[in-house]
Amino acid sequence: MKADQTTLHTLLKEALAMIEVVTTTDFDLEKVADLNRRGYEALQDATGTTSDQYRAELYDEVWEQARDMGFGNVSEALAAFKKLSEQTPVTYQYLGSDNEWKSFSNQQHYQNTLEDGKTPIRALYADPLPV
């Protein structure tokens, strides 16, 4: 199955949204891996089928968004994304009813909150964001 321009554009938008999420909040490594796999497959399928002009337009869109996020170029944004995706959170916090971030009392508290899906959870990392 050959990837079309719509598929590539959709994957690109997902990647850009994910880059914004990982630079601002918690992210799901399984989603990162899935997006990586689908993007790789789509690009492999699309080799030779997407016009140079369309590829240039996609790159321009990515470059503009990377620049708007404070990166000097797309390579810097991708390197930051890669570094973030390799980090392991030190701890997690949840947003309390008083709108303050609070630590979980134990692993079960974290697991119950995660499964409930109603309360925002954020991951905290030891390394600062690579921007």
C-alpha atoms as a PDB file:
ATOM      1  CA  MET A   1       0.000   0.000   0.000  1.00  0.00           C
ATOM      2  CA  LYS A   2       1.469   3.331  -1.046  1.00  0.00           C
ATOM      3  CA  ALA A   3       1.222   6.269   1.334  1.00  0.00           C
ATOM      4  CA  ASP A   4      -0.425   9.294  -0.180  1.00  0.00           C
ATOM      5  CA  GLN A   5       0.166  12.964   0.537  1.00  0.00           C
ATOM      6  CA  THR A   6      -2.763  13.088   2.964  1.00  0.00           C
ATOM      7  CA  THR A   7      -1.301  10.232   5.026  1.00  0.00           C
ATOM      8  CA  LEU A   8       2.106  11.901   5.159  1.00  0.00           C
ATOM      9  CA  HIS A   9       0.583  15.246   6.050  1.00  0.00           C
ATOM     10  CA  THR A  10      -1.486  13.648   8.841  1.00  0.00           C
ATOM     11  CA  LEU A  11       1.585  11.905  10.265  1.00  0.00           C
ATOM     12  CA  LEU A  12       3.548  15.146  10.094  1.00  0.00           C
ATOM     13  CA  LYS A  13       0.842  17.042  11.969  1.00  0.00           C
ATOM     14  CA  GLU A  14       0.748  14.293  14.636  1.00  0.00           C
ATOM     15  CA  ALA A  15       4.533  14.515  14.992  1.00  0.00           C
ATOM     16  CA  LEU A  16       4.442  18.291  15.374  1.00  0.00           C
ATOM     17  CA  ALA A  17       1.656  18.074  17.940  1.00  0.00           C
ATOM     18  CA  MET A  18       3.612  15.438  19.834  1.00  0.00           C
ATOM     19  CA  ILE A  19       6.776  17.584  19.802  1.00  0.00           C
ATOM     20  CA  GLU A  20       4.745  20.422  21.313  1.00  0.00           C
ATOM     21  CA  VAL A  21       3.279  18.073  23.950  1.00  0.00           C
ATOM     22  CA  VAL A  22       6.645  16.651  24.997  1.00  0.00           C
ATOM     23  CA  THR A  23       8.157  20.095  25.336  1.00  0.00           C
ATOM     24  CA  THR A  24       5.321  21.309  27.537  1.00  0.00           C
ATOM     25  CA  THR A  25       3.936  18.367  29.516  1.00  0.00           C
ATOM     26  CA  ASP A  26       3.770  14.597  29.974  1.00  0.00           C
ATOM     27  CA  PHE A  27       3.854  12.274  26.967  1.00  0.00           C
ATOM     28  CA  ASP A  28       3.215   8.620  26.162  1.00  0.00           C
ATOM     29  CA  LEU A  29       6.258   6.674  24.941  1.00  0.00           C
ATOM     30  CA  GLU A  30       4.016   4.113  23.228  1.00  0.00           C
ATOM     31  CA  LYS A  31       2.455   6.881  21.135  1.00  0.00           C
ATOM     32  CA  VAL A  32       5.928   8.168  20.271  1.00  0.00           C
ATOM     33  CA  ALA A  33       7.018   4.690  19.169  1.00  0.00           C
ATOM     34  CA  ASP A  34       3.813   4.135  17.179  1.00  0.00           C
ATOM     35  CA  LEU A  35       4.103   7.495  15.421  1.00  0.00           C
ATOM     36  CA  ASN A  36       7.746   6.766  14.669  1.00  0.00           C
ATOM     37  CA  ARG A  37       6.875   3.376  13.164  1.00  0.00           C
ATOM     38  CA  ARG A  38       3.957   4.676  11.093  1.00  0.00           C
ATOM     39  CA  GLY A  39       5.984   7.642   9.872  1.00  0.00           C
ATOM     40  CA  TYR A  40       8.861   5.414   8.843  1.00  0.00           C
ATOM     41  CA  GLU A  41       6.514   3.025   7.009  1.00  0.00           C
ATOM     42  CA  ALA A  42       4.724   5.868   5.247  1.00  0.00           C
ATOM     43  CA  LEU A  43       7.986   7.466   4.163  1.00  0.00           C
ATOM     44  CA  GLN A  44       9.275   4.102   2.926  1.00  0.00           C
ATOM     45  CA  ASP A  45       6.050   3.598   0.958  1.00  0.00           C
ATOM     46  CA  ALA A  46       6.133   7.110  -0.424  1.00  0.00           C
ATOM     47  CA  THR A  47       9.667   7.005  -1.787  1.00  0.00           C
ATOM     48  CA  GLY A  48       9.458   8.326  -5.314  1.00  0.00           C
ATOM     49  CA  THR A  49       5.699   8.990  -5.162  1.00  0.00           C
ATOM     50  CA  THR A  50       5.605  12.409  -3.500  1.00  0.00           C
ATOM     51  CA  SER A  51       6.583  15.421  -5.537  1.00  0.00           C
ATOM     52  CA  ASP A  52       9.629  17.447  -4.577  1.00  0.00           C
ATOM     53  CA  GLN A  53       7.406  20.517  -4.279  1.00  0.00           C
ATOM     54  CA  TYR A  54       5.128  18.794  -1.771  1.00  0.00           C
ATOM     55  CA  ARG A  55       8.112  17.584   0.244  1.00  0.00           C
ATOM     56  CA  ALA A  56       9.485  21.129   0.271  1.00  0.00           C
ATOM     57  CA  GLU A  57       6.123  22.460   1.467  1.00  0.00           C
ATOM     58  CA  LEU A  58       6.034  19.905   4.289  1.00  0.00           C
ATOM     59  CA  TYR A  59       9.572  20.777   5.328  1.00  0.00           C
ATOM     60  CA  ASP A  60       8.740  24.493   5.282  1.00  0.00           C
ATOM     61  CA  GLU A  61       5.742  23.846   7.540  1.00  0.00           C
ATOM     62  CA  VAL A  62       7.843  21.803   9.978  1.00  0.00           C
ATOM     63  CA  TRP A  63      10.656  24.369   9.926  1.00  0.00           C
ATOM     64  CA  GLU A  64       8.245  27.214  10.667  1.00  0.00           C
ATOM     65  CA  GLN A  65       6.714  25.367  13.617  1.00  0.00           C
ATOM     66  CA  ALA A  66      10.135  24.356  14.960  1.00  0.00           C
ATOM     67  CA  ARG A  67      11.259  27.991  14.720  1.00  0.00           C
ATOM     68  CA  ASP A  68       8.067  29.182  16.467  1.00  0.00           C
ATOM     69  CA  MET A  69       8.865  26.773  19.306  1.00  0.00           C
ATOM     70  CA  GLY A  70      12.290  28.391  19.766  1.00  0.00           C
ATOM     71  CA  PHE A  71      14.480  26.021  17.758  1.00  0.00           C
ATOM     72  CA  GLY A  72      16.986  27.235  15.178  1.00  0.00           C
ATOM     73  CA  ASN A  73      16.128  24.483  12.723  1.00  0.00           C
ATOM     74  CA  VAL A  74      14.258  21.208  12.295  1.00  0.00           C
ATOM     75  CA  SER A  75      17.298  19.124  13.249  1.00  0.00           C
ATOM     76  CA  GLU A  76      17.474  20.852  16.644  1.00  0.00           C
ATOM     77  CA  ALA A  77      13.757  20.203  17.243  1.00  0.00           C
ATOM     78  CA  LEU A  78      14.097  16.538  16.301  1.00  0.00           C
ATOM     79  CA  ALA A  79      17.204  16.149  18.485  1.00  0.00           C
ATOM     80  CA  ALA A  80      15.312  17.679  21.429  1.00  0.00           C
ATOM     81  CA  PHE A  81      12.367  15.397  20.752  1.00  0.00           C
ATOM     82  CA  LYS A  82      14.667  12.363  20.646  1.00  0.00           C
ATOM     83  CA  LYS A  83      16.363  13.381  23.888  1.00  0.00           C
ATOM     84  CA  LEU A  84      13.009  13.889  25.611  1.00  0.00           C
ATOM     85  CA  SER A  85      11.658  10.567  24.389  1.00  0.00           C
ATOM     86  CA  GLU A  86      14.687   8.795  25.912  1.00  0.00           C
ATOM     87  CA  GLN A  87      14.280  10.338  29.366  1.00  0.00           C
ATOM     88  CA  THR A  88      12.630   8.529  32.248  1.00  0.00           C
ATOM     89  CA  PRO A  89      10.446  10.575  34.579  1.00  0.00           C
ATOM     90  CA  VAL A  90      11.754  11.021  38.121  1.00  0.00           C
ATOM     91  CA  THR A  91       8.230  11.272  39.514  1.00  0.00           C
ATOM     92  CA  TYR A  92       4.648  12.102  38.610  1.00  0.00           C
ATOM     93  CA  GLN A  93       2.222  14.640  40.046  1.00  0.00           C
ATOM     94  CA  TYR A  94      -1.522  15.165  39.769  1.00  0.00           C
ATOM     95  CA  LEU A  95      -3.518  18.384  39.634  1.00  0.00           C
ATOM     96  CA  GLY A  96      -5.495  18.703  42.857  1.00  0.00           C
ATOM     97  CA  SER A  97      -8.943  20.244  43.228  1.00  0.00           C
ATOM     98  CA  ASP A  98      -7.231  23.418  44.500  1.00  0.00           C
ATOM     99  CA  ASN A  99      -5.445  23.686  41.113  1.00  0.00           C
ATOM    100  CA  GLU A 100      -2.068  22.881  42.707  1.00  0.00           C
ATOM    101  CA  TRP A 101       0.254  20.076  41.595  1.00  0.00           C
ATOM    102  CA  LYS A 102       0.563  17.386  44.271  1.00  0.00           C
ATOM    103  CA  SER A 103       2.669  14.254  44.705  1.00  0.00           C
ATOM    104  CA  PHE A 104       1.039  10.839  44.726  1.00  0.00           C
ATOM    105  CA  SER A 105       0.922   9.130  48.107  1.00  0.00           C
ATOM    106  CA  ASN A 106       1.938   5.749  46.649  1.00  0.00           C
ATOM    107  CA  GLN A 107       2.034   3.694  43.448  1.00  0.00           C
ATOM    108  CA  GLN A 108      -1.579   2.556  43.862  1.00  0.00           C
ATOM    109  CA  HIS A 109      -2.748   6.169  44.113  1.00  0.00           C
ATOM    110  CA  TYR A 110      -0.883   6.929  40.863  1.00  0.00           C
ATOM    111  CA  GLN A 111      -2.289   3.830  39.114  1.00  0.00           C
ATOM    112  CA  ASN A 112      -5.886   4.572  40.193  1.00  0.00           C
ATOM    113  CA  THR A 113      -5.614   8.191  39.034  1.00  0.00           C
ATOM    114  CA  LEU A 114      -4.077   7.116  35.726  1.00  0.00           C
ATOM    115  CA  GLU A 115      -6.808   4.540  35.086  1.00  0.00           C
ATOM    116  CA  ASP A 116      -9.559   6.998  36.027  1.00  0.00           C
ATOM    117  CA  GLY A 117      -8.319   9.408  33.353  1.00  0.00           C
ATOM    118  CA  LYS A 118     -10.151  12.423  34.773  1.00  0.00           C
ATOM    119  CA  THR A 119      -7.323  14.113  36.650  1.00  0.00           C
ATOM    120  CA  PRO A 120      -4.401  15.699  34.801  1.00  0.00           C
ATOM    121  CA  ILE A 121      -1.059  14.006  35.521  1.00  0.00           C
ATOM    122  CA  ARG A 122       2.363  15.395  34.691  1.00  0.00           C
ATOM    123  CA  ALA A 123       5.769  13.770  34.594  1.00  0.00           C
ATOM    124  CA  LEU A 124       8.796  15.479  36.134  1.00  0.00           C
ATOM    125  CA  TYR A 125      12.266  14.889  34.724  1.00  0.00           C
ATOM    126  CA  ALA A 126      15.722  15.437  36.174  1.00  0.00           C
ATOM    127  CA  ASP A 127      17.089  17.005  32.976  1.00  0.00           C
ATOM    128  CA  PRO A 128      15.802  20.395  31.825  1.00  0.00           C
ATOM    129  CA  LEU A 129      14.034  20.700  28.481  1.00  0.00           C
ATOM    130  CA  PRO A 130      16.590  20.834  25.653  1.00  0.00           C
ATOM    131  CA  VAL A 131      15.513  24.114  24.069  1.00  0.00           C
END
